[in-house]
Amino acid sequence: MGIPVFADSAIVIFAPLCKAMSRVTGKSVIALQEDGKNYGDFLLKTIDTVKEQFTEDEFKLLKDEAEKIRDIENKLTMIEKKYPDAAQKSSDNDMSMPSDNGSTGNFPSFEGKDLDGNEIKSDELFSGNAVTVVNFWFTTCSPCVDELSELDALNKELSGKGGSLIGINSFTLDGDEAAISEAKAVLKKKDVSYRNVYFDSDSEAGKFIENVYAYPTTYVVDRSGSIVGEPIVGAVTGKSQMEKLKSLIDQCIAADMK
């Protein structure tokens, strides 16, 4: 497993805590990731600040997990300093398995809203596009945020081919107002224009998200709602990842024209 995936996993493992910390502190954790400091150290400091809001067992669990994050980041820093080319090489490694066999199942149907409150139905969304790219992310996932600009550019490219891209921020499920506000702030900062949607966590699509084990993860969906190939796991900021994603997109569009 390459360094970027390892780093992503460290954050993904801690996703529930990130959300809890954002709610407790009233601040978006992502802003504190941008100063280059150790994320685990930040979490430890934050947990200690609000420790009275947790039971003794909860506090111990959160502290132990934050220490794991800190140790992982320290090891990553050491590796990247010793092998500066490792991170770039890892981003070009295979992190997904595009398939030539076409559909690999149906994307779960959903009825939800975009972050501005407009209703969204998956059947109308998918049927209205030759291809729909669905990107799963969350607000405090640094690799997720890093790829937003590339995804926005891709959405603009898709609009000229009869396709579109949507984002699904896992923190915003069930219409969590605080999470929606934080997500919108990040999207605005990144000057992202494509739609982001949410739906109920107990819906079919909500349960589907429970099986998304790494972030970001991106799916390609055809007009009938079928998933094309395998998901792209990891950020598409690397050349190899973006090429794989575009290959699936082209495959989907070609099939739609038959």
Protein backbone atom coordinates (compact mmCIF):
# COMPACT_ATOMS: atom_id res chain seq x y z
CA MET A 1 0.00 0.00 0.00
CA GLY A 2 1.49 3.35 -1.01
CA ILE A 3 2.16 6.29 1.24
CA PRO A 4 -0.83 8.41 0.13
CA VAL A 5 -3.23 5.53 0.78
CA PHE A 6 -1.66 4.99 4.19
CA ALA A 7 -2.09 8.65 5.01
CA ASP A 8 -5.66 8.64 3.78
CA SER A 9 -6.45 5.61 5.91
CA ALA A 10 -5.14 7.35 9.00
CA ILE A 11 -7.67 10.10 8.48
CA VAL A 12 -10.50 7.84 7.34
CA ILE A 13 -10.19 5.65 10.45
CA PHE A 14 -10.73 8.77 12.49
CA ALA A 15 -13.61 10.21 10.44
CA PRO A 16 -16.27 9.85 13.18
CA LEU A 17 -14.00 11.64 15.63
CA CYS A 18 -13.33 14.43 13.15
CA LYS A 19 -17.06 14.99 12.86
CA ALA A 20 -17.53 14.86 16.62
CA MET A 21 -14.72 17.35 17.15
CA SER A 22 -16.20 19.73 14.60
CA ARG A 23 -19.55 19.60 16.37
CA VAL A 24 -18.10 20.01 19.84
CA THR A 25 -15.73 22.86 18.96
CA GLY A 26 -18.02 24.51 16.44
CA LYS A 27 -15.11 24.74 14.01
CA SER A 28 -14.16 22.91 10.86
CA VAL A 29 -11.11 20.74 11.48
CA ILE A 30 -9.96 21.10 7.87
CA ALA A 31 -8.77 24.65 8.45
CA LEU A 32 -6.23 23.41 10.96
CA GLN A 33 -4.85 20.80 8.60
CA GLU A 34 -3.61 23.40 6.17
CA ASP A 35 -0.83 24.72 8.40
CA GLY A 36 1.22 21.55 7.99
CA LYS A 37 1.13 20.59 11.66
CA ASN A 38 0.65 17.03 12.81
CA TYR A 39 -3.05 16.22 12.64
CA GLY A 40 -2.80 13.80 15.56
CA ASP A 41 -1.31 16.50 17.78
CA PHE A 42 -4.20 18.78 16.92
CA LEU A 43 -6.74 16.09 17.76
CA LEU A 44 -5.04 15.33 21.09
CA LYS A 45 -5.10 18.99 22.02
CA THR A 46 -8.74 19.35 20.97
CA ILE A 47 -9.82 16.23 22.85
CA ASP A 48 -8.11 17.45 26.00
CA THR A 49 -9.82 20.83 25.69
CA VAL A 50 -13.31 19.27 25.66
CA LYS A 51 -12.62 16.14 27.72
CA GLU A 52 -15.34 17.01 30.24
CA GLN A 53 -17.91 16.28 27.53
CA PHE A 54 -16.86 12.62 27.35
CA THR A 55 -17.00 9.72 29.77
CA GLU A 56 -13.71 8.37 31.10
CA ASP A 57 -13.86 5.41 28.70
CA GLU A 58 -14.75 7.63 25.72
CA PHE A 59 -11.92 10.01 26.54
CA LYS A 60 -9.39 7.15 26.76
CA LEU A 61 -10.58 5.65 23.45
CA LEU A 62 -10.41 8.98 21.63
CA LYS A 63 -7.00 9.77 23.08
CA ASP A 64 -5.62 6.36 22.12
CA GLU A 65 -6.87 6.74 18.54
CA ALA A 66 -5.49 10.27 18.26
CA GLU A 67 -2.10 8.99 19.37
CA LYS A 68 -2.24 6.38 16.59
CA ILE A 69 -2.88 9.16 14.05
CA ARG A 70 0.03 11.17 15.46
CA ASP A 71 2.38 8.19 15.25
CA ILE A 72 1.32 7.41 11.68
CA GLU A 73 1.90 10.99 10.57
CA ASN A 74 5.30 11.11 12.28
CA LYS A 75 6.32 7.94 10.42
CA LEU A 76 5.02 9.37 7.14
CA THR A 77 7.01 12.55 7.66
CA MET A 78 10.18 10.55 8.26
CA ILE A 79 9.59 8.41 5.18
CA GLU A 80 8.83 11.40 2.94
CA LYS A 81 11.97 13.21 4.12
CA LYS A 82 14.13 10.14 3.51
CA TYR A 83 12.44 9.21 0.22
CA PRO A 84 11.05 12.43 -1.30
CA ASP A 85 10.04 10.70 -4.52
CA ALA A 86 8.06 7.98 -2.78
CA ALA A 87 4.81 9.89 -2.45
CA GLN A 88 4.73 10.83 -6.13
CA LYS A 89 5.56 7.29 -7.23
CA SER A 90 2.86 5.90 -4.98
CA SER A 91 0.23 8.15 -6.51
CA ASP A 92 0.89 6.43 -9.82
CA ASN A 93 0.43 2.92 -8.42
CA ASP A 94 -2.70 0.89 -9.08
CA MET A 95 -5.33 1.85 -6.51
CA SER A 96 -8.36 0.76 -8.48
CA MET A 97 -9.30 -1.96 -10.89
CA PRO A 98 -11.17 -0.62 -13.92
CA SER A 99 -12.99 -3.41 -15.68
CA ASP A 100 -13.65 -4.07 -19.33
CA ASN A 101 -16.75 -6.01 -18.44
CA GLY A 102 -19.00 -2.97 -18.24
CA SER A 103 -21.52 -2.75 -15.44
CA THR A 104 -20.59 -4.05 -12.01
CA GLY A 105 -23.97 -3.48 -10.35
CA ASN A 106 -26.45 -0.69 -9.80
CA PHE A 107 -25.81 2.48 -7.88
CA PRO A 108 -28.42 2.62 -5.09
CA SER A 109 -31.37 4.87 -5.83
CA PHE A 110 -31.97 7.88 -3.63
CA GLU A 111 -34.14 10.93 -3.12
CA GLY A 112 -32.35 13.79 -1.47
CA LYS A 113 -31.35 17.41 -1.83
CA ASP A 114 -28.39 19.44 -2.93
CA LEU A 115 -26.64 21.68 -0.41
CA ASP A 116 -28.93 24.57 -1.37
CA GLY A 117 -32.04 22.55 -0.55
CA ASN A 118 -33.14 21.66 -4.09
CA GLU A 119 -34.64 18.19 -4.42
CA ILE A 120 -32.61 15.56 -6.24
CA LYS A 121 -33.81 12.15 -7.47
CA SER A 122 -31.21 9.67 -8.61
CA ASP A 123 -33.31 8.20 -11.41
CA GLU A 124 -33.78 11.65 -12.95
CA LEU A 125 -30.14 12.54 -12.37
CA PHE A 126 -28.70 9.43 -14.00
CA SER A 127 -31.21 9.18 -16.85
CA GLY A 128 -30.50 12.79 -17.80
CA ASN A 129 -26.79 12.17 -18.36
CA ALA A 130 -24.77 9.94 -20.65
CA VAL A 131 -22.43 9.53 -17.68
CA THR A 132 -22.50 10.66 -14.07
CA VAL A 133 -19.38 10.70 -11.94
CA VAL A 134 -20.12 10.30 -8.22
CA ASN A 135 -17.41 11.36 -5.78
CA PHE A 136 -17.58 10.39 -2.10
CA TRP A 137 -15.71 12.70 0.25
CA PHE A 138 -15.86 14.33 3.67
CA THR A 139 -14.91 17.78 4.85
CA THR A 140 -11.94 16.95 7.05
CA CYS A 141 -10.33 14.56 4.56
CA SER A 142 -7.32 16.42 3.20
CA PRO A 143 -6.88 14.25 0.05
CA CYS A 144 -10.61 14.73 -0.67
CA VAL A 145 -10.31 18.50 -0.48
CA ASP A 146 -7.09 18.52 -2.49
CA GLU A 147 -8.80 16.97 -5.51
CA LEU A 148 -11.85 19.29 -5.56
CA SER A 149 -10.35 21.63 -8.16
CA GLU A 150 -9.53 18.74 -10.51
CA LEU A 151 -13.05 17.39 -10.10
CA ASP A 152 -14.57 20.79 -10.85
CA ALA A 153 -12.52 21.02 -14.04
CA LEU A 154 -13.64 17.50 -14.95
CA ASN A 155 -17.27 18.46 -14.41
CA LYS A 156 -16.91 21.36 -16.82
CA GLU A 157 -15.37 18.98 -19.35
CA LEU A 158 -18.20 16.49 -18.88
CA SER A 159 -20.88 19.13 -19.41
CA GLY A 160 -19.80 19.34 -23.04
CA LYS A 161 -20.16 15.58 -23.43
CA GLY A 162 -23.60 15.16 -21.96
CA GLY A 163 -22.35 14.20 -18.52
CA SER A 164 -21.99 15.63 -15.04
CA LEU A 165 -20.25 15.12 -11.72
CA ILE A 166 -21.77 15.20 -8.25
CA GLY A 167 -20.23 15.06 -4.81
CA ILE A 168 -21.60 13.23 -1.78
CA ASN A 169 -20.15 14.47 1.49
CA SER A 170 -20.69 11.71 4.08
CA PHE A 171 -20.88 14.25 6.91
CA THR A 172 -23.93 15.94 5.38
CA LEU A 173 -26.23 12.91 5.43
CA ASP A 174 -29.63 13.46 7.05
CA GLY A 175 -29.34 17.15 6.28
CA ASP A 176 -26.89 17.92 9.09
CA GLU A 177 -26.97 21.73 9.00
CA ALA A 178 -23.57 22.27 10.62
CA ALA A 179 -21.94 19.77 8.27
CA ILE A 180 -23.66 21.30 5.24
CA SER A 181 -22.43 24.76 6.24
CA GLU A 182 -18.86 23.49 6.63
CA ALA A 183 -18.98 21.61 3.32
CA LYS A 184 -20.30 24.68 1.50
CA ALA A 185 -17.51 26.79 2.98
CA VAL A 186 -14.84 24.37 1.72
CA LEU A 187 -16.46 24.14 -1.71
CA LYS A 188 -16.64 27.93 -1.94
CA LYS A 189 -13.00 28.29 -0.93
CA LYS A 190 -12.05 25.85 -3.67
CA ASP A 191 -14.34 27.64 -6.15
CA VAL A 192 -16.25 24.43 -6.87
CA SER A 193 -19.46 24.75 -8.87
CA TYR A 194 -20.70 21.17 -9.29
CA ARG A 195 -23.58 19.91 -7.18
CA ASN A 196 -23.18 18.11 -3.91
CA VAL A 197 -26.09 16.08 -2.61
CA TYR A 198 -27.20 14.36 0.57
CA PHE A 199 -29.91 11.90 1.57
CA ASP A 200 -31.04 9.92 4.61
CA SER A 201 -28.41 7.72 6.20
CA ASP A 202 -30.92 4.88 6.61
CA SER A 203 -31.78 4.89 2.90
CA GLU A 204 -30.41 2.36 0.43
CA ALA A 205 -27.79 4.87 -0.68
CA GLY A 206 -26.99 5.74 2.93
CA LYS A 207 -26.27 2.10 3.70
CA PHE A 208 -24.13 1.94 0.55
CA ILE A 209 -21.87 4.62 2.02
CA GLU A 210 -21.21 2.39 5.03
CA ASN A 211 -19.27 0.13 2.65
CA VAL A 212 -17.09 2.95 1.32
CA TYR A 213 -13.97 2.16 3.32
CA ALA A 214 -11.57 4.69 1.85
CA TYR A 215 -11.93 8.34 0.93
CA PRO A 216 -12.07 9.79 -1.56
CA THR A 217 -13.74 7.15 -3.72
CA THR A 218 -15.22 7.88 -7.13
CA TYR A 219 -17.78 5.91 -9.16
CA VAL A 220 -18.81 6.16 -12.80
CA VAL A 221 -22.53 5.58 -13.40
CA ASP A 222 -24.32 5.19 -16.74
CA ARG A 223 -27.73 6.47 -17.84
CA SER A 224 -29.55 3.43 -16.45
CA GLY A 225 -27.95 3.81 -13.02
CA SER A 226 -25.46 0.99 -13.47
CA ILE A 227 -21.94 1.32 -12.09
CA VAL A 228 -19.31 1.12 -14.83
CA GLY A 229 -16.13 -0.73 -13.92
CA GLU A 230 -14.61 -0.61 -10.46
CA PRO A 231 -14.46 2.52 -8.30
CA ILE A 232 -11.42 4.75 -8.34
CA VAL A 233 -10.09 4.57 -4.79
CA GLY A 234 -7.95 7.51 -3.73
CA ALA A 235 -7.54 11.04 -5.03
CA VAL A 236 -7.45 11.70 -8.78
CA THR A 237 -4.75 14.34 -8.41
CA GLY A 238 -2.24 11.80 -9.73
CA LYS A 239 -1.98 11.33 -13.51
CA SER A 240 -2.59 7.58 -13.37
CA GLN A 241 -5.76 7.89 -11.30
CA MET A 242 -7.25 10.58 -13.53
CA GLU A 243 -6.45 8.55 -16.64
CA LYS A 244 -8.27 5.54 -15.20
CA LEU A 245 -11.28 7.66 -14.33
CA LYS A 246 -11.42 9.21 -17.80
CA SER A 247 -11.08 5.77 -19.38
CA LEU A 248 -14.22 4.62 -17.55
CA ILE A 249 -15.98 7.83 -18.53
CA ASP A 250 -15.12 7.32 -22.20
CA GLN A 251 -16.26 3.70 -21.97
CA CYS A 252 -19.57 4.81 -20.54
CA ILE A 253 -20.14 7.52 -23.14
CA ALA A 254 -19.24 5.15 -25.98
CA ALA A 255 -21.76 2.60 -24.75
CA ASP A 256 -24.42 5.29 -24.48
CA MET A 257 -23.99 6.20 -28.15
CA LYS A 258 -24.64 2.68 -29.40
